[in-house]
Amino acid sequence: MKRKILGLALFVVGLFLIFCAMWVFQETTIRASNSPDGRYLLVVLKRNLDSLPVMPGQGSDVRCFVELRRRGNGQLILRKDVDMLQNVEHIQWESDRVWINSHSAISYEGKLIGIW
């Protein structure tokens, strides 16, 4: 009887650890911005692993990703790592590119323009 209880407990703990591992490596959308013509989408993502508790004031210091996608089919045009979430505060769309914080731009063809 004790072996059955121990086996069941280990099974439950194992399931819990598997679900925790799956959650940790998923990504969460922080914000999304549509182009003025509605053809493109800029998505800011962060991994749940980076969302684990941090010291006060460090929430925007987590690493994130920026993805430029086609709106119709969701095709990924460019995915770029960004050191800190706070570096992706202002998104401004132009006719052929999207600017991020006025110093980094991505053209709609996926070419990186400027400095990150």
N, C-alpha and C. Protein backbone atom coordinates (compact mmCIF):
# COMPACT_ATOMS: atom_id res chain seq x y z
N MET A 1 0.81 -1.20 0.00
CA MET A 1 0.00 0.00 0.00
C MET A 1 0.86 1.28 0.00
N LYS A 2 1.94 1.23 0.80
CA LYS A 2 2.82 2.40 0.87
C LYS A 2 3.51 2.64 -0.47
N ARG A 3 3.83 1.57 -1.16
CA ARG A 3 4.48 1.71 -2.47
C ARG A 3 3.54 2.36 -3.47
N LYS A 4 2.25 2.01 -3.42
CA LYS A 4 1.28 2.61 -4.33
C LYS A 4 1.13 4.10 -4.06
N ILE A 5 1.09 4.47 -2.80
CA ILE A 5 0.97 5.90 -2.44
C ILE A 5 2.22 6.65 -2.86
N LEU A 6 3.38 6.06 -2.61
CA LEU A 6 4.64 6.69 -3.01
C LEU A 6 4.72 6.82 -4.53
N GLY A 7 4.31 5.78 -5.26
CA GLY A 7 4.31 5.83 -6.72
C GLY A 7 3.37 6.90 -7.25
N LEU A 8 2.18 7.00 -6.66
CA LEU A 8 1.22 8.03 -7.06
C LEU A 8 1.75 9.43 -6.77
N ALA A 9 2.38 9.61 -5.61
CA ALA A 9 2.95 10.91 -5.25
C ALA A 9 4.06 11.30 -6.23
N LEU A 10 4.93 10.34 -6.56
CA LEU A 10 6.00 10.63 -7.52
C LEU A 10 5.43 10.95 -8.89
N PHE A 11 4.39 10.27 -9.30
CA PHE A 11 3.73 10.55 -10.58
C PHE A 11 3.17 11.97 -10.60
N VAL A 12 2.48 12.37 -9.53
CA VAL A 12 1.90 13.72 -9.44
C VAL A 12 2.99 14.78 -9.45
N VAL A 13 4.05 14.56 -8.70
CA VAL A 13 5.17 15.51 -8.68
C VAL A 13 5.81 15.60 -10.06
N GLY A 14 5.97 14.45 -10.72
CA GLY A 14 6.53 14.45 -12.07
C GLY A 14 5.68 15.24 -13.05
N LEU A 15 4.36 15.04 -13.01
CA LEU A 15 3.46 15.83 -13.87
C LEU A 15 3.58 17.31 -13.58
N PHE A 16 3.63 17.66 -12.30
CA PHE A 16 3.76 19.07 -11.92
C PHE A 16 5.05 19.66 -12.49
N LEU A 17 6.14 18.95 -12.39
CA LEU A 17 7.42 19.45 -12.92
C LEU A 17 7.39 19.58 -14.44
N ILE A 18 6.73 18.65 -15.11
CA ILE A 18 6.62 18.73 -16.57
C ILE A 18 5.82 19.97 -16.97
N PHE A 19 4.70 20.22 -16.31
CA PHE A 19 3.90 21.39 -16.64
C PHE A 19 4.64 22.69 -16.30
N CYS A 20 5.39 22.70 -15.22
CA CYS A 20 6.19 23.89 -14.89
C CYS A 20 7.24 24.14 -15.96
N ALA A 21 7.90 23.09 -16.41
CA ALA A 21 8.93 23.25 -17.45
C ALA A 21 8.30 23.75 -18.75
N MET A 22 7.12 23.24 -19.08
CA MET A 22 6.44 23.71 -20.30
C MET A 22 6.09 25.19 -20.18
N TRP A 23 5.64 25.64 -19.02
CA TRP A 23 5.26 27.05 -18.82
C TRP A 23 6.48 27.95 -18.89
N VAL A 24 7.57 27.52 -18.27
CA VAL A 24 8.76 28.36 -18.18
C VAL A 24 9.31 28.69 -19.56
N PHE A 25 9.26 27.76 -20.50
CA PHE A 25 9.86 27.98 -21.81
C PHE A 25 8.88 28.52 -22.85
N GLN A 26 7.65 28.82 -22.46
CA GLN A 26 6.71 29.46 -23.37
C GLN A 26 7.00 30.96 -23.44
N GLU A 27 6.43 31.60 -24.46
CA GLU A 27 6.60 33.04 -24.62
C GLU A 27 5.26 33.74 -24.45
N THR A 28 5.30 34.92 -23.89
CA THR A 28 4.10 35.72 -23.65
C THR A 28 4.18 36.99 -24.48
N THR A 29 3.08 37.34 -25.14
CA THR A 29 3.03 38.58 -25.91
C THR A 29 2.88 39.75 -24.94
N ILE A 30 3.79 40.71 -25.04
CA ILE A 30 3.73 41.90 -24.19
C ILE A 30 2.90 42.98 -24.87
N ARG A 31 3.16 43.21 -26.14
CA ARG A 31 2.36 44.18 -26.90
C ARG A 31 2.46 43.85 -28.38
N ALA A 32 1.50 44.33 -29.12
CA ALA A 32 1.48 44.15 -30.58
C ALA A 32 1.03 45.45 -31.20
N SER A 33 1.59 45.77 -32.35
CA SER A 33 1.26 47.02 -33.04
C SER A 33 1.05 46.73 -34.52
N ASN A 34 -0.09 47.16 -35.05
CA ASN A 34 -0.40 46.99 -36.48
C ASN A 34 0.15 48.16 -37.28
N SER A 35 0.59 47.87 -38.50
CA SER A 35 0.99 48.94 -39.40
C SER A 35 -0.25 49.73 -39.80
N PRO A 36 -0.09 50.99 -40.20
CA PRO A 36 -1.25 51.80 -40.58
C PRO A 36 -2.09 51.19 -41.70
N ASP A 37 -1.45 50.46 -42.64
CA ASP A 37 -2.21 49.85 -43.72
C ASP A 37 -2.75 48.47 -43.34
N GLY A 38 -2.42 47.98 -42.16
CA GLY A 38 -2.93 46.71 -41.67
C GLY A 38 -2.27 45.48 -42.27
N ARG A 39 -1.18 45.65 -43.01
CA ARG A 39 -0.52 44.51 -43.65
C ARG A 39 0.55 43.86 -42.77
N TYR A 40 1.06 44.57 -41.79
CA TYR A 40 2.15 44.06 -40.97
C TYR A 40 1.80 44.19 -39.49
N LEU A 41 2.49 43.37 -38.69
CA LEU A 41 2.27 43.35 -37.25
C LEU A 41 3.63 43.25 -36.58
N LEU A 42 3.88 44.12 -35.61
CA LEU A 42 5.09 44.06 -34.81
C LEU A 42 4.68 43.53 -33.43
N VAL A 43 5.29 42.42 -33.03
CA VAL A 43 4.93 41.77 -31.77
C VAL A 43 6.14 41.78 -30.85
N VAL A 44 5.93 42.15 -29.59
CA VAL A 44 6.97 42.13 -28.57
C VAL A 44 6.65 40.96 -27.64
N LEU A 45 7.59 40.03 -27.50
CA LEU A 45 7.41 38.82 -26.69
C LEU A 45 8.49 38.72 -25.63
N LYS A 46 8.16 38.03 -24.53
CA LYS A 46 9.18 37.67 -23.56
C LYS A 46 8.93 36.25 -23.10
N ARG A 47 9.99 35.57 -22.71
CA ARG A 47 9.86 34.21 -22.20
C ARG A 47 9.37 34.24 -20.76
N ASN A 48 8.54 33.29 -20.40
CA ASN A 48 8.05 33.22 -19.02
C ASN A 48 9.19 33.01 -18.04
N LEU A 49 10.26 32.38 -18.48
CA LEU A 49 11.43 32.19 -17.63
C LEU A 49 11.96 33.54 -17.15
N ASP A 50 11.91 34.53 -18.01
CA ASP A 50 12.39 35.86 -17.65
C ASP A 50 11.41 36.60 -16.77
N SER A 51 10.22 36.04 -16.55
CA SER A 51 9.20 36.69 -15.72
C SER A 51 9.27 36.25 -14.27
N LEU A 52 10.18 35.35 -13.97
CA LEU A 52 10.31 34.92 -12.59
C LEU A 52 10.67 36.12 -11.73
N PRO A 53 10.39 36.05 -10.44
CA PRO A 53 10.55 37.24 -9.58
C PRO A 53 11.90 37.94 -9.74
N VAL A 54 11.82 39.25 -9.84
CA VAL A 54 13.01 40.10 -9.93
C VAL A 54 12.90 41.15 -8.83
N MET A 55 13.96 41.88 -8.65
CA MET A 55 13.96 42.93 -7.62
C MET A 55 13.06 44.09 -8.07
N PRO A 56 12.53 44.85 -7.14
CA PRO A 56 11.68 46.00 -7.51
C PRO A 56 12.41 46.93 -8.46
N GLY A 57 11.70 47.35 -9.51
CA GLY A 57 12.27 48.27 -10.50
C GLY A 57 12.96 47.58 -11.65
N GLN A 58 13.07 46.26 -11.61
CA GLN A 58 13.79 45.54 -12.67
C GLN A 58 12.85 44.82 -13.63
N GLY A 59 11.57 45.03 -13.54
CA GLY A 59 10.61 44.35 -14.40
C GLY A 59 10.80 44.65 -15.87
N SER A 60 11.22 45.87 -16.20
CA SER A 60 11.41 46.22 -17.61
C SER A 60 12.84 45.94 -18.08
N ASP A 61 13.65 45.33 -17.22
CA ASP A 61 15.02 44.98 -17.60
C ASP A 61 15.12 43.59 -18.22
N VAL A 62 14.00 42.88 -18.31
CA VAL A 62 14.04 41.51 -18.83
C VAL A 62 14.29 41.50 -20.34
N ARG A 63 14.90 40.43 -20.80
CA ARG A 63 15.17 40.26 -22.22
C ARG A 63 13.87 39.97 -22.96
N CYS A 64 13.77 40.46 -24.18
CA CYS A 64 12.56 40.21 -24.96
C CYS A 64 12.94 40.01 -26.44
N PHE A 65 11.92 39.76 -27.24
CA PHE A 65 12.09 39.54 -28.67
C PHE A 65 11.11 40.44 -29.41
N VAL A 66 11.51 40.90 -30.58
CA VAL A 66 10.63 41.66 -31.45
C VAL A 66 10.46 40.85 -32.73
N GLU A 67 9.21 40.66 -33.13
CA GLU A 67 8.93 39.94 -34.37
C GLU A 67 8.14 40.83 -35.31
N LEU A 68 8.55 40.87 -36.56
CA LEU A 68 7.80 41.54 -37.61
C LEU A 68 7.13 40.44 -38.43
N ARG A 69 5.80 40.50 -38.53
CA ARG A 69 5.03 39.46 -39.22
C ARG A 69 4.10 40.07 -40.26
N ARG A 70 3.80 39.28 -41.29
CA ARG A 70 2.74 39.66 -42.23
C ARG A 70 1.42 39.39 -41.55
N ARG A 71 0.50 40.31 -41.67
CA ARG A 71 -0.76 40.20 -40.95
C ARG A 71 -1.65 39.09 -41.51
N GLY A 72 -1.75 38.93 -42.81
CA GLY A 72 -2.67 37.97 -43.41
C GLY A 72 -2.37 36.52 -43.06
N ASN A 73 -1.12 36.10 -43.27
CA ASN A 73 -0.78 34.70 -43.06
C ASN A 73 0.10 34.47 -41.83
N GLY A 74 0.48 35.52 -41.12
CA GLY A 74 1.30 35.38 -39.92
C GLY A 74 2.75 35.03 -40.19
N GLN A 75 3.17 35.14 -41.46
CA GLN A 75 4.54 34.79 -41.84
C GLN A 75 5.54 35.65 -41.07
N LEU A 76 6.53 35.00 -40.48
CA LEU A 76 7.58 35.70 -39.75
C LEU A 76 8.57 36.29 -40.74
N ILE A 77 8.76 37.61 -40.67
CA ILE A 77 9.72 38.29 -41.54
C ILE A 77 11.06 38.44 -40.83
N LEU A 78 11.03 38.83 -39.56
CA LEU A 78 12.26 39.04 -38.80
C LEU A 78 11.97 38.82 -37.32
N ARG A 79 12.91 38.19 -36.63
CA ARG A 79 12.85 38.05 -35.17
C ARG A 79 14.17 38.54 -34.63
N LYS A 80 14.11 39.49 -33.71
CA LYS A 80 15.32 40.12 -33.19
C LYS A 80 15.29 40.11 -31.67
N ASP A 81 16.40 39.69 -31.04
CA ASP A 81 16.54 39.77 -29.59
C ASP A 81 16.77 41.21 -29.18
N VAL A 82 16.17 41.59 -28.08
CA VAL A 82 16.37 42.92 -27.51
C VAL A 82 16.82 42.71 -26.06
N ASP A 83 17.86 43.41 -25.64
CA ASP A 83 18.42 43.20 -24.31
C ASP A 83 17.43 43.47 -23.19
N MET A 84 16.71 44.58 -23.30
CA MET A 84 15.79 44.95 -22.23
C MET A 84 14.45 45.37 -22.81
N LEU A 85 13.39 44.98 -22.13
CA LEU A 85 12.04 45.31 -22.55
C LEU A 85 11.83 46.82 -22.65
N GLN A 86 12.48 47.57 -21.79
CA GLN A 86 12.32 49.02 -21.82
C GLN A 86 12.86 49.65 -23.09
N ASN A 87 13.66 48.89 -23.87
CA ASN A 87 14.18 49.40 -25.14
C ASN A 87 13.16 49.31 -26.27
N VAL A 88 11.96 48.83 -25.98
CA VAL A 88 10.92 48.69 -27.01
C VAL A 88 9.67 49.44 -26.54
N GLU A 89 9.84 50.64 -26.05
CA GLU A 89 8.70 51.40 -25.53
C GLU A 89 7.91 52.09 -26.64
N HIS A 90 8.58 52.75 -27.56
CA HIS A 90 7.90 53.56 -28.57
C HIS A 90 8.03 52.90 -29.94
N ILE A 91 6.88 52.62 -30.56
CA ILE A 91 6.84 52.01 -31.89
C ILE A 91 6.18 53.00 -32.84
N GLN A 92 6.88 53.35 -33.92
CA GLN A 92 6.36 54.32 -34.88
C GLN A 92 6.44 53.74 -36.28
N TRP A 93 5.31 53.72 -36.97
CA TRP A 93 5.24 53.15 -38.32
C TRP A 93 5.42 54.23 -39.36
N GLU A 94 6.17 53.90 -40.42
CA GLU A 94 6.30 54.77 -41.59
C GLU A 94 5.87 53.98 -42.81
N SER A 95 6.00 54.56 -43.99
CA SER A 95 5.50 53.92 -45.21
C SER A 95 6.24 52.63 -45.55
N ASP A 96 7.54 52.54 -45.20
CA ASP A 96 8.30 51.34 -45.58
C ASP A 96 9.08 50.71 -44.43
N ARG A 97 8.89 51.20 -43.22
CA ARG A 97 9.65 50.65 -42.07
C ARG A 97 8.94 50.98 -40.77
N VAL A 98 9.36 50.29 -39.73
CA VAL A 98 8.84 50.56 -38.40
C VAL A 98 10.03 50.93 -37.51
N TRP A 99 9.87 52.03 -36.78
CA TRP A 99 10.93 52.52 -35.89
C TRP A 99 10.62 52.08 -34.47
N ILE A 100 11.68 51.71 -33.77
CA ILE A 100 11.55 51.32 -32.37
C ILE A 100 12.43 52.25 -31.56
N ASN A 101 11.81 53.05 -30.71
CA ASN A 101 12.52 54.03 -29.87
C ASN A 101 13.38 55.00 -30.67
N SER A 102 12.98 55.32 -31.89
CA SER A 102 13.59 56.35 -32.73
C SER A 102 15.03 56.06 -33.14
N HIS A 103 15.61 54.94 -32.75
CA HIS A 103 17.00 54.68 -33.15
C HIS A 103 17.19 53.34 -33.84
N SER A 104 16.16 52.51 -33.87
CA SER A 104 16.25 51.22 -34.54
C SER A 104 15.07 51.07 -35.46
N ALA A 105 15.31 50.62 -36.66
CA ALA A 105 14.22 50.48 -37.62
C ALA A 105 14.32 49.14 -38.34
N ILE A 106 13.17 48.62 -38.72
CA ILE A 106 13.08 47.40 -39.51
C ILE A 106 12.29 47.73 -40.77
N SER A 107 12.86 47.42 -41.92
CA SER A 107 12.10 47.62 -43.15
C SER A 107 11.10 46.49 -43.28
N TYR A 108 10.06 46.68 -44.09
CA TYR A 108 9.04 45.66 -44.24
C TYR A 108 9.56 44.41 -44.93
N GLU A 109 10.73 44.49 -45.56
CA GLU A 109 11.33 43.32 -46.18
C GLU A 109 12.15 42.53 -45.17
N GLY A 110 12.20 42.99 -43.93
CA GLY A 110 12.92 42.28 -42.89
C GLY A 110 14.37 42.71 -42.73
N LYS A 111 14.79 43.76 -43.41
CA LYS A 111 16.15 44.24 -43.27
C LYS A 111 16.25 45.13 -42.04
N LEU A 112 17.27 44.90 -41.25
CA LEU A 112 17.50 45.69 -40.06
C LEU A 112 18.18 46.99 -40.46
N ILE A 113 17.60 48.10 -40.01
CA ILE A 113 18.15 49.42 -40.33
C ILE A 113 18.42 50.10 -39.00
N GLY A 114 19.60 50.61 -38.81
CA GLY A 114 19.91 51.33 -37.58
C GLY A 114 20.55 50.45 -36.54
N ILE A 115 20.60 50.91 -35.33
CA ILE A 115 21.31 50.26 -34.23
C ILE A 115 20.31 49.82 -33.17
N TRP A 116 20.54 48.67 -32.62
CA TRP A 116 19.68 48.18 -31.54
C TRP A 116 20.27 48.53 -30.21
